[in-house]
Protein backbone atom coordinates (compact mmCIF):
# COMPACT_ATOMS: atom_id res chain seq x y z
CA UNK A 1 -11.16 -39.40 116.70
CA UNK A 2 -11.22 -38.85 112.98
CA UNK A 3 -9.69 -36.49 110.44
CA UNK A 4 -12.03 -34.62 108.13
CA UNK A 5 -10.78 -33.73 104.69
CA UNK A 6 -13.62 -31.41 103.69
CA UNK A 7 -13.19 -27.68 103.14
CA UNK A 8 -13.13 -25.56 106.26
CA UNK A 9 -14.48 -22.05 106.72
CA UNK A 10 -12.06 -21.41 109.60
CA UNK A 11 -8.97 -21.14 107.38
CA UNK A 12 -6.69 -20.93 110.42
CA UNK A 13 -3.51 -21.47 108.41
CA UNK A 14 -4.20 -18.48 106.13
CA UNK A 15 -5.00 -16.30 109.15
CA UNK A 16 -1.79 -17.35 110.84
CA UNK A 17 0.24 -16.51 107.73
CA UNK A 18 -1.45 -13.12 107.40
CA UNK A 19 -0.69 -12.31 111.02
CA UNK A 20 2.96 -13.32 110.60
CA UNK A 21 3.29 -11.17 107.47
CA UNK A 22 1.63 -8.17 109.13
CA UNK A 23 3.86 -8.51 112.19
CA UNK A 24 6.95 -8.77 109.99
CA UNK A 25 5.99 -5.63 108.06
CA UNK A 26 5.36 -3.58 111.19
CA UNK A 27 8.45 -4.77 113.06
CA UNK A 28 10.69 -4.32 109.99
CA UNK A 29 9.46 -0.75 109.83
CA UNK A 30 9.95 -0.09 113.56
CA UNK A 31 13.40 -1.68 113.91
CA UNK A 32 15.42 0.78 111.75
CA UNK A 33 13.63 3.70 113.39
CA UNK A 34 14.42 2.34 116.83
CA UNK A 35 18.09 1.92 115.90
CA UNK A 36 18.40 5.42 114.38
CA UNK A 37 19.37 8.06 116.95
CA UNK A 38 18.42 10.81 114.48
CA UNK A 39 14.88 9.42 114.17
CA UNK A 40 14.49 8.68 117.90
CA UNK A 41 15.30 12.23 118.96
CA UNK A 42 12.86 13.64 116.38
CA UNK A 43 15.55 15.39 114.35
CA UNK A 44 14.77 13.49 111.14
CA UNK A 45 11.08 14.42 111.24
CA UNK A 46 11.76 18.03 112.26
CA UNK A 47 14.24 18.46 109.40
CA UNK A 48 11.92 16.82 106.89
CA UNK A 49 8.96 19.05 107.75
CA UNK A 50 11.15 22.17 107.88
CA UNK A 51 12.61 21.44 104.44
CA UNK A 52 9.20 20.53 103.03
CA UNK A 53 7.77 23.82 104.29
CA UNK A 54 10.48 25.73 102.46
CA UNK A 55 10.37 23.87 99.11
CA UNK A 56 6.76 22.71 98.84
CA UNK A 57 5.85 25.29 96.18
CA UNK A 58 8.67 24.01 93.97
CA UNK A 59 7.66 20.34 94.11
CA UNK A 60 6.21 18.93 90.90
CA UNK A 61 3.45 16.87 92.58
CA UNK A 62 2.43 19.07 95.53
CA UNK A 63 -0.83 17.25 96.21
CA UNK A 64 1.05 13.98 96.70
CA UNK A 65 2.42 15.20 100.04
CA UNK A 66 -0.35 15.42 102.64
CA UNK A 67 1.19 17.58 105.35
CA UNK A 68 -1.56 19.66 106.97
CA UNK A 69 -1.07 23.41 107.23
CA UNK A 70 -1.39 23.20 111.01
CA UNK A 71 1.67 20.94 111.17
CA UNK A 72 3.67 23.17 108.83
CA UNK A 73 2.82 26.30 110.82
CA UNK A 74 3.25 24.95 114.36
CA UNK A 75 5.89 22.25 113.94
CA UNK A 76 7.71 23.30 110.76
CA UNK A 77 10.59 25.14 112.40
CA UNK A 78 13.72 23.78 113.98
CA UNK A 79 13.15 25.18 117.45
CA UNK A 80 13.71 23.18 120.64
CA UNK A 81 9.94 23.00 121.15
CA UNK A 82 9.46 21.50 117.67
CA UNK A 83 12.23 18.97 118.27
CA UNK A 84 10.55 17.88 121.52
CA UNK A 85 7.20 17.49 119.76
CA UNK A 86 8.77 15.47 116.95
CA UNK A 87 10.60 13.32 119.53
CA UNK A 88 7.21 12.49 121.03
CA UNK A 89 5.78 11.73 117.57
CA UNK A 90 8.75 9.47 116.77
CA UNK A 91 8.44 7.57 120.07
CA UNK A 92 4.69 7.17 119.54
CA UNK A 93 5.23 5.86 116.01
CA UNK A 94 7.86 3.35 117.06
CA UNK A 95 5.69 2.15 119.96
CA UNK A 96 2.60 1.83 117.76
CA UNK A 97 4.46 -0.10 115.07
CA UNK A 98 5.86 -2.46 117.68
CA UNK A 99 2.59 -3.03 119.53
CA UNK A 100 0.03 -2.88 116.71
CA UNK A 101 0.45 -6.44 115.40
CA UNK A 102 -0.24 -7.83 118.87
CA UNK A 103 -3.33 -5.64 119.37
CA UNK A 104 -4.85 -6.22 115.93
CA UNK A 105 -4.57 -9.97 115.67
CA UNK A 106 -6.46 -11.82 112.98
CA UNK A 107 -9.34 -13.71 114.50
């Protein structure tokens, strides 16, 4: 057994650090959303899209917000149906942010 001190192309330590940082970013984004009842039930997203639909023509940088017309038309109201759809979107987002670091590991 011997220890080699030459440069390695594997760079396992850097890959490990990148994976830890990516996991931290995703989980730190998912945790507040998971703890927020307003976000979990979809109310936050429904209110945001509804307000955006009403004031989008008054925003100074309209092209900065990429909300498709389909979303504004079909999910931009505060109906019970819209709230259920946004609840599903919120749950999907939280799940994806929690599971993504494990599925997309650095190899």
